[in-house]
Amino acid sequence: MNGNNFRMPARRFATVAAATALAAGPAALAGAVSAHATDDTDQQGRASAVVLRTGLDVSLLNKTLNVPLTVSLNEVRAPQSSEKTALTARLEGVEGGKPFSVLGAEVAAAKATVSSRKAEGYTNLAHAKVHVPGLPLLSLIEVESVTSKATCEAGKKPVATSNLLGGVTVLGKKVTLSAGGPTAVDVPGVGSVRLDLSKTSTTSRTAAASALELKVSINPLKLNVAEVEGTVTLAGATCEAPVVSDASDAPVAGVEPHGAPAEAGLAETGGGAMAPYVVGGAVVLLAVGGGAVALGRRSRG
């Protein structure tokens, strides 16, 4: 009786232990697959848009001092969608400390949006006048309408476009811009401006566009301003495409779809994804079974 009572629990223990070991294999594999899917999260795209950006150095007459004039008007960035529509920007500390209007426009809109598969930047500027310090009555440039757009969609070639509609006036002179190269405008006693029309560039995942880029060299000698040097960009847009993972649609290596036959490659490679768990369960079963037999022999002895 004592021997029989001992052998039955030993057998049950061996059976339960083996079943637990075999069951743990698929559970561990499921956890590994889940962690792998979590690590392969999609990367968000990026987009930006700006109505006007200046990088100017202003030299003052009565001081040996250069005052940086760095302005970004209606600059927006995404991953989260954003939009701004302000029409003017003003700077303190120039022209006797009075507020200085850099840009005036009827429309000055910038928008940047990002979704799971597409990023896009867009800028629209209409009936705009740009001013620099020292020239309160003369516009650096006047444009009727400019737009820029950069679109980056996952799996597709990025696209960048810029359009300039209507006339352009630089330092009081009407000019005709050429897409073949820069246009230079010189005004005696005032300065010079070089304009580049519609610059665009793309890579496999990015795009950038700007409707107008100006290289400015002005000598106004008015309002305590000796020189204005630098660059001005109108209607800029950029984007970077999201990285979309297709791991969720592809089968996990070593795991067969339900109902599919096993591949012969398991014998060639020496194992598959489930092999360690099967082998581990067999080892546990043998070890526990051997222990139960030894204990049974002791009890009978």
Foldseek 3Di string as FASTA:
>chain_A
DVLVVQLVVLVVVLVVLLVVLLVVLVVVVVVVVVVVVVVPDWFWKKKKKFAKWWFKWWQFDVDRDTDTDTDTHFIDMDVAKDKDWDAWDWDADALVRDTDTFKGFPTWMWIWYIDQFKTKIKTKTAQMFGPDGLCRPWTQKTAGIKMWMWMFGPPDWIDIWIDGDDWMAGRNRTDDADQVDWDKDADPQWFIKIKHAWDWDGDRFKIKIFGIKIFTWTQNVPSRTGIMGTMMTGIMMMMGTMGDDPVVVDDDFQDDDPPDDDDPCCVVVVHGSSVVSVVSSVVSSVVSVVVSVVVSVVVVD
